[in-house]
Amino acid sequence: MDITIRPLTKDNCDDFFDFFENRAFTDDSPYRCYCQVYQMTKEQYRAAYDNAKPDELGIISREIAKQQILTGVMRGYLAYDREKAIGWCNVNDRAFYPQDSQYDTPFHASADKKEKAIVCFEIAPTHRMKGVATALLQRAMEDAKEEGYCAIEGYPVIRQQRFEWDHAGPLRLYEKNGFTIHSQKDESIVMRKELSFPA
């Protein structure tokens, strides 16, 4: 398998949607989304979904994700097997995640901290357990260091057994790539890797 990692841009936006609509959830995963929620405030979420009909939810989510990609609010990496996207990692400057986030985990930090956050992995069922998430994580780490970020964080959840839809990534994925526990609340952990030190 020849895996290539490419940053998400407006130019490969169609590959992102092709992945989410045709390969990401072919195992009946309960997490059917476009990874758009992490970039939404509570107010934005209510405005988009409170009065939506059930059959409109997917269309609304897709349009929100598209606008986030085109404006650079959503960033991350796509993994390709040949020319077909088979994996995704949502990773961005922590300042790009809202303070009043719809999602409960506090990803946000001020821009001056120069930290990145890894908030989601999604790998096509046919390509799981083949090193795709590791390749995505390592590319995110390499680019963050090259771009002058001081640290990068991930937010796994401790589980007693393997969980197919572990969108934050399993704890062992971070441990084997040099992350250490920064903080912990119940089963939720903040894993952190220092990349450089601020002047």
C-alpha atoms as a PDB file:
ATOM      1  CA  MET A   1       0.000   0.000   0.000  1.00  0.00           C
ATOM      2  CA  ASP A   2       1.450   3.341  -1.086  1.00  0.00           C
ATOM      3  CA  ILE A   3       0.045   5.977   1.287  1.00  0.00           C
ATOM      4  CA  THR A   4       0.412   9.676   0.469  1.00  0.00           C
ATOM      5  CA  ILE A   5      -0.529  12.443   2.903  1.00  0.00           C
ATOM      6  CA  ARG A   6      -1.762  15.784   1.556  1.00  0.00           C
ATOM      7  CA  PRO A   7      -2.998  18.893   3.367  1.00  0.00           C
ATOM      8  CA  LEU A   8      -6.675  19.696   2.906  1.00  0.00           C
ATOM      9  CA  THR A   9      -7.148  22.716   0.632  1.00  0.00           C
ATOM     10  CA  LYS A  10      -9.917  24.091  -1.532  1.00  0.00           C
ATOM     11  CA  ASP A  11      -8.250  22.285  -4.451  1.00  0.00           C
ATOM     12  CA  ASN A  12      -8.857  18.803  -3.003  1.00  0.00           C
ATOM     13  CA  CYS A  13     -12.157  19.667  -1.336  1.00  0.00           C
ATOM     14  CA  ASP A  14     -13.934  17.196  -3.656  1.00  0.00           C
ATOM     15  CA  ASP A  15     -11.654  14.389  -2.418  1.00  0.00           C
ATOM     16  CA  PHE A  16     -12.684  15.194   1.162  1.00  0.00           C
ATOM     17  CA  PHE A  17     -16.373  14.820   0.334  1.00  0.00           C
ATOM     18  CA  ASP A  18     -15.760  11.741  -1.805  1.00  0.00           C
ATOM     19  CA  PHE A  19     -14.071  10.130   1.204  1.00  0.00           C
ATOM     20  CA  PHE A  20     -16.773  11.040   3.718  1.00  0.00           C
ATOM     21  CA  GLU A  21     -19.630  10.069   1.406  1.00  0.00           C
ATOM     22  CA  ASN A  22     -18.257   6.877  -0.112  1.00  0.00           C
ATOM     23  CA  ARG A  23     -15.672   5.268   2.183  1.00  0.00           C
ATOM     24  CA  ALA A  24     -15.565   6.731   5.698  1.00  0.00           C
ATOM     25  CA  PHE A  25     -18.726   5.150   7.099  1.00  0.00           C
ATOM     26  CA  THR A  26     -19.188   1.973   5.109  1.00  0.00           C
ATOM     27  CA  ASP A  27     -19.142  -0.043   8.360  1.00  0.00           C
ATOM     28  CA  ASP A  28     -22.292   1.656   9.724  1.00  0.00           C
ATOM     29  CA  SER A  29     -20.313   3.933  12.019  1.00  0.00           C
ATOM     30  CA  PRO A  30     -22.605   6.077  14.184  1.00  0.00           C
ATOM     31  CA  TYR A  31     -20.466   9.163  13.530  1.00  0.00           C
ATOM     32  CA  ARG A  32     -21.888  10.292  10.218  1.00  0.00           C
ATOM     33  CA  CYS A  33     -20.665  13.846   9.799  1.00  0.00           C
ATOM     34  CA  TYR A  34     -18.253  16.018   7.848  1.00  0.00           C
ATOM     35  CA  CYS A  35     -16.063  16.920  10.846  1.00  0.00           C
ATOM     36  CA  GLN A  36     -17.655  20.374  10.804  1.00  0.00           C
ATOM     37  CA  VAL A  37     -18.844  20.491  14.428  1.00  0.00           C
ATOM     38  CA  TYR A  38     -15.396  21.071  15.958  1.00  0.00           C
ATOM     39  CA  GLN A  39     -15.155  24.466  14.259  1.00  0.00           C
ATOM     40  CA  MET A  40     -18.656  25.610  15.299  1.00  0.00           C
ATOM     41  CA  THR A  41     -19.675  27.725  18.281  1.00  0.00           C
ATOM     42  CA  LYS A  42     -22.787  26.786  20.250  1.00  0.00           C
ATOM     43  CA  GLU A  43     -24.578  29.738  18.654  1.00  0.00           C
ATOM     44  CA  GLN A  44     -23.597  28.673  15.133  1.00  0.00           C
ATOM     45  CA  TYR A  45     -24.712  25.126  15.851  1.00  0.00           C
ATOM     46  CA  ARG A  46     -28.124  26.217  17.145  1.00  0.00           C
ATOM     47  CA  ALA A  47     -28.647  28.573  14.214  1.00  0.00           C
ATOM     48  CA  ALA A  48     -27.814  25.826  11.720  1.00  0.00           C
ATOM     49  CA  TYR A  49     -29.643  22.865  13.226  1.00  0.00           C
ATOM     50  CA  ASP A  50     -32.339  23.858  15.730  1.00  0.00           C
ATOM     51  CA  ASN A  51     -35.082  24.260  13.140  1.00  0.00           C
ATOM     52  CA  ALA A  52     -33.735  21.805  10.569  1.00  0.00           C
ATOM     53  CA  LYS A  53     -35.766  18.811   9.463  1.00  0.00           C
ATOM     54  CA  PRO A  54     -34.130  15.375   9.816  1.00  0.00           C
ATOM     55  CA  ASP A  55     -33.700  14.964   6.062  1.00  0.00           C
ATOM     56  CA  GLU A  56     -31.932  18.361   5.857  1.00  0.00           C
ATOM     57  CA  LEU A  57     -29.199  17.630   8.393  1.00  0.00           C
ATOM     58  CA  GLY A  58     -26.742  16.021   5.991  1.00  0.00           C
ATOM     59  CA  ILE A  59     -27.155  18.783   3.412  1.00  0.00           C
ATOM     60  CA  ILE A  60     -26.654  21.471   6.055  1.00  0.00           C
ATOM     61  CA  SER A  61     -23.588  19.736   7.508  1.00  0.00           C
ATOM     62  CA  ARG A  62     -22.048  19.347   4.061  1.00  0.00           C
ATOM     63  CA  GLU A  63     -22.525  23.019   3.211  1.00  0.00           C
ATOM     64  CA  ILE A  64     -21.056  24.129   6.538  1.00  0.00           C
ATOM     65  CA  ALA A  65     -18.021  21.883   6.003  1.00  0.00           C
ATOM     66  CA  LYS A  66     -17.559  23.206   2.474  1.00  0.00           C
ATOM     67  CA  GLN A  67     -17.578  26.809   3.665  1.00  0.00           C
ATOM     68  CA  GLN A  68     -15.138  25.950   6.452  1.00  0.00           C
ATOM     69  CA  ILE A  69     -12.749  24.374   3.950  1.00  0.00           C
ATOM     70  CA  LEU A  70     -13.013  27.210   1.419  1.00  0.00           C
ATOM     71  CA  THR A  71     -12.362  29.840   4.091  1.00  0.00           C
ATOM     72  CA  GLY A  72      -9.552  27.883   5.757  1.00  0.00           C
ATOM     73  CA  VAL A  73     -11.399  27.443   9.055  1.00  0.00           C
ATOM     74  CA  MET A  74     -11.227  23.650   8.761  1.00  0.00           C
ATOM     75  CA  ARG A  75      -7.751  22.287   8.189  1.00  0.00           C
ATOM     76  CA  GLY A  76      -6.138  18.907   8.306  1.00  0.00           C
ATOM     77  CA  TYR A  77      -4.789  16.126   6.143  1.00  0.00           C
ATOM     78  CA  LEU A  78      -6.154  13.537   3.757  1.00  0.00           C
ATOM     79  CA  ALA A  79      -4.461  10.165   3.351  1.00  0.00           C
ATOM     80  CA  TYR A  80      -4.506   8.695  -0.150  1.00  0.00           C
ATOM     81  CA  ASP A  81      -4.041   5.161  -1.415  1.00  0.00           C
ATOM     82  CA  ARG A  82      -2.988   5.889  -4.957  1.00  0.00           C
ATOM     83  CA  GLU A  83      -5.378   8.728  -5.910  1.00  0.00           C
ATOM     84  CA  LYS A  84      -8.291   7.791  -3.648  1.00  0.00           C
ATOM     85  CA  ALA A  85      -8.712   9.421  -0.225  1.00  0.00           C
ATOM     86  CA  ILE A  86      -8.929   6.750   2.479  1.00  0.00           C
ATOM     87  CA  GLY A  87      -8.231   8.693   5.672  1.00  0.00           C
ATOM     88  CA  TRP A  88      -8.645  12.060   7.347  1.00  0.00           C
ATOM     89  CA  CYS A  89      -7.168  13.926  10.311  1.00  0.00           C
ATOM     90  CA  ASN A  90      -8.598  17.226  11.593  1.00  0.00           C
ATOM     91  CA  VAL A  91      -5.645  19.241  12.920  1.00  0.00           C
ATOM     92  CA  ASN A  92      -5.310  22.984  13.232  1.00  0.00           C
ATOM     93  CA  ASP A  93      -3.935  25.875  15.207  1.00  0.00           C
ATOM     94  CA  ARG A  94      -5.773  25.805  18.532  1.00  0.00           C
ATOM     95  CA  ALA A  95      -6.726  29.450  18.004  1.00  0.00           C
ATOM     96  CA  PHE A  96      -8.915  28.359  15.066  1.00  0.00           C
ATOM     97  CA  TYR A  97     -11.166  26.284  17.322  1.00  0.00           C
ATOM     98  CA  PRO A  98     -13.812  28.471  18.988  1.00  0.00           C
ATOM     99  CA  GLN A  99     -13.773  29.327  22.678  1.00  0.00           C
ATOM    100  CA  ASP A 100     -17.516  28.743  22.970  1.00  0.00           C
ATOM    101  CA  SER A 101     -17.355  25.456  21.119  1.00  0.00           C
ATOM    102  CA  GLN A 102     -20.327  23.208  20.485  1.00  0.00           C
ATOM    103  CA  TYR A 103     -17.974  20.340  21.232  1.00  0.00           C
ATOM    104  CA  ASP A 104     -17.262  19.820  24.932  1.00  0.00           C
ATOM    105  CA  THR A 105     -13.492  19.314  24.788  1.00  0.00           C
ATOM    106  CA  PRO A 106     -11.665  22.680  25.135  1.00  0.00           C
ATOM    107  CA  PHE A 107      -9.497  22.681  22.027  1.00  0.00           C
ATOM    108  CA  HIS A 108      -9.093  26.474  21.936  1.00  0.00           C
ATOM    109  CA  ALA A 109      -5.958  28.322  23.017  1.00  0.00           C
ATOM    110  CA  SER A 110      -4.727  31.812  22.165  1.00  0.00           C
ATOM    111  CA  ALA A 111      -2.699  32.230  18.972  1.00  0.00           C
ATOM    112  CA  ASP A 112       0.398  33.400  20.871  1.00  0.00           C
ATOM    113  CA  LYS A 113       0.775  29.940  22.441  1.00  0.00           C
ATOM    114  CA  LYS A 114       1.593  28.513  18.997  1.00  0.00           C
ATOM    115  CA  GLU A 115      -0.028  25.145  19.665  1.00  0.00           C
ATOM    116  CA  LYS A 116      -1.840  22.765  17.369  1.00  0.00           C
ATOM    117  CA  ALA A 117      -4.657  20.378  18.235  1.00  0.00           C
ATOM    118  CA  ILE A 118      -5.490  17.011  16.682  1.00  0.00           C
ATOM    119  CA  VAL A 119      -9.221  16.524  17.161  1.00  0.00           C
ATOM    120  CA  CYS A 120     -10.366  13.742  14.838  1.00  0.00           C
ATOM    121  CA  PHE A 121      -9.239  10.764  12.799  1.00  0.00           C
ATOM    122  CA  GLU A 122     -11.433   8.890  10.351  1.00  0.00           C
ATOM    123  CA  ILE A 123      -9.998   5.947   8.422  1.00  0.00           C
ATOM    124  CA  ALA A 124     -11.854   3.923   5.810  1.00  0.00           C
ATOM    125  CA  PRO A 125     -12.730   0.479   7.260  1.00  0.00           C
ATOM    126  CA  THR A 126     -10.757  -1.221   4.481  1.00  0.00           C
ATOM    127  CA  HIS A 127      -7.591   0.612   5.555  1.00  0.00           C
ATOM    128  CA  ARG A 128      -7.730   0.433   9.347  1.00  0.00           C
ATOM    129  CA  MET A 129      -4.880  -1.146  11.352  1.00  0.00           C
ATOM    130  CA  LYS A 130      -2.488  -0.494   8.460  1.00  0.00           C
ATOM    131  CA  GLY A 131      -0.619   2.547   9.775  1.00  0.00           C
ATOM    132  CA  VAL A 132      -2.741   5.237   8.119  1.00  0.00           C
ATOM    133  CA  ALA A 133      -3.499   7.120  11.351  1.00  0.00           C
ATOM    134  CA  THR A 134       0.194   6.955  12.274  1.00  0.00           C
ATOM    135  CA  ALA A 135       1.154   8.428   8.899  1.00  0.00           C
ATOM    136  CA  LEU A 136      -1.379  11.234   9.349  1.00  0.00           C
ATOM    137  CA  LEU A 137      -0.191  11.982  12.876  1.00  0.00           C
ATOM    138  CA  GLN A 138       3.476  12.004  11.910  1.00  0.00           C
ATOM    139  CA  ARG A 139       2.844  14.392   9.003  1.00  0.00           C
ATOM    140  CA  ALA A 140       0.892  16.700  11.324  1.00  0.00           C
ATOM    141  CA  MET A 141       3.781  16.662  13.806  1.00  0.00           C
ATOM    142  CA  GLU A 142       6.420  17.300  11.127  1.00  0.00           C
ATOM    143  CA  ASP A 143       4.545  20.236   9.630  1.00  0.00           C
ATOM    144  CA  ALA A 144       3.741  21.745  13.029  1.00  0.00           C
ATOM    145  CA  LYS A 145       7.430  21.711  13.972  1.00  0.00           C
ATOM    146  CA  GLU A 146       8.477  23.137  10.604  1.00  0.00           C
ATOM    147  CA  GLU A 147       5.863  25.899  10.953  1.00  0.00           C
ATOM    148  CA  GLY A 148       7.303  26.919  14.325  1.00  0.00           C
ATOM    149  CA  TYR A 149       4.653  25.536  16.655  1.00  0.00           C
ATOM    150  CA  CYS A 150       5.730  24.938  20.238  1.00  0.00           C
ATOM    151  CA  ALA A 151       3.500  21.953  20.938  1.00  0.00           C
ATOM    152  CA  ILE A 152       0.811  19.689  19.562  1.00  0.00           C
ATOM    153  CA  GLU A 153      -1.995  18.045  21.526  1.00  0.00           C
ATOM    154  CA  GLY A 154      -4.393  15.135  21.064  1.00  0.00           C
ATOM    155  CA  TYR A 155      -7.467  14.206  23.087  1.00  0.00           C
ATOM    156  CA  PRO A 156      -7.948  10.441  23.338  1.00  0.00           C
ATOM    157  CA  VAL A 157     -10.401   8.656  25.600  1.00  0.00           C
ATOM    158  CA  ILE A 158      -9.337   5.668  27.704  1.00  0.00           C
ATOM    159  CA  ARG A 159     -11.278   2.556  26.724  1.00  0.00           C
ATOM    160  CA  GLN A 160     -11.287  -0.903  28.258  1.00  0.00           C
ATOM    161  CA  GLN A 161     -11.486  -2.552  24.846  1.00  0.00           C
ATOM    162  CA  ARG A 162     -10.856  -1.668  21.228  1.00  0.00           C
ATOM    163  CA  PHE A 163     -13.455   0.728  19.838  1.00  0.00           C
ATOM    164  CA  GLU A 164     -13.900   0.827  16.055  1.00  0.00           C
ATOM    165  CA  TRP A 165     -15.073   4.444  15.945  1.00  0.00           C
ATOM    166  CA  ASP A 166     -12.461   6.014  18.175  1.00  0.00           C
ATOM    167  CA  HIS A 167     -12.464   9.339  16.352  1.00  0.00           C
ATOM    168  CA  ALA A 168      -9.986  11.045  18.723  1.00  0.00           C
ATOM    169  CA  GLY A 169      -7.450   8.296  18.117  1.00  0.00           C
ATOM    170  CA  PRO A 170      -6.444   5.644  20.665  1.00  0.00           C
ATOM    171  CA  LEU A 171      -4.098   6.448  23.533  1.00  0.00           C
ATOM    172  CA  ARG A 172      -1.419   4.063  22.224  1.00  0.00           C
ATOM    173  CA  LEU A 173      -1.251   6.008  18.928  1.00  0.00           C
ATOM    174  CA  TYR A 174      -0.059   9.094  20.805  1.00  0.00           C
ATOM    175  CA  GLU A 175       2.174   7.197  23.211  1.00  0.00           C
ATOM    176  CA  LYS A 176       4.141   5.487  20.449  1.00  0.00           C
ATOM    177  CA  ASN A 177       4.725   8.870  18.791  1.00  0.00           C
ATOM    178  CA  GLY A 178       6.234  10.509  21.855  1.00  0.00           C
ATOM    179  CA  PHE A 179       3.214  12.225  23.402  1.00  0.00           C
ATOM    180  CA  THR A 180       2.860  12.232  27.180  1.00  0.00           C
ATOM    181  CA  ILE A 181      -0.131  12.792  29.445  1.00  0.00           C
ATOM    182  CA  HIS A 182      -0.599  16.510  30.078  1.00  0.00           C
ATOM    183  CA  SER A 183      -3.853  16.260  32.039  1.00  0.00           C
ATOM    184  CA  GLN A 184      -6.656  13.812  32.686  1.00  0.00           C
ATOM    185  CA  LYS A 185     -10.306  14.052  33.702  1.00  0.00           C
ATOM    186  CA  ASP A 186     -12.024  10.702  34.168  1.00  0.00           C
ATOM    187  CA  GLU A 187     -11.510   8.794  30.887  1.00  0.00           C
ATOM    188  CA  SER A 188     -10.611  11.900  28.851  1.00  0.00           C
ATOM    189  CA  ILE A 189      -6.915  12.629  28.445  1.00  0.00           C
ATOM    190  CA  VAL A 190      -4.923  15.492  26.973  1.00  0.00           C
ATOM    191  CA  MET A 191      -1.806  14.084  25.319  1.00  0.00           C
ATOM    192  CA  ARG A 192       0.923  16.586  24.502  1.00  0.00           C
ATOM    193  CA  LYS A 193       4.193  16.645  22.606  1.00  0.00           C
ATOM    194  CA  GLU A 194       6.586  19.558  22.902  1.00  0.00           C
ATOM    195  CA  LEU A 195       8.025  20.496  19.512  1.00  0.00           C
ATOM    196  CA  SER A 196      10.105  23.526  20.438  1.00  0.00           C
ATOM    197  CA  PHE A 197      10.225  26.085  23.178  1.00  0.00           C
ATOM    198  CA  PRO A 198       9.085  29.702  22.892  1.00  0.00           C
ATOM    199  CA  ALA A 199      11.825  32.318  22.955  1.00  0.00           C
END
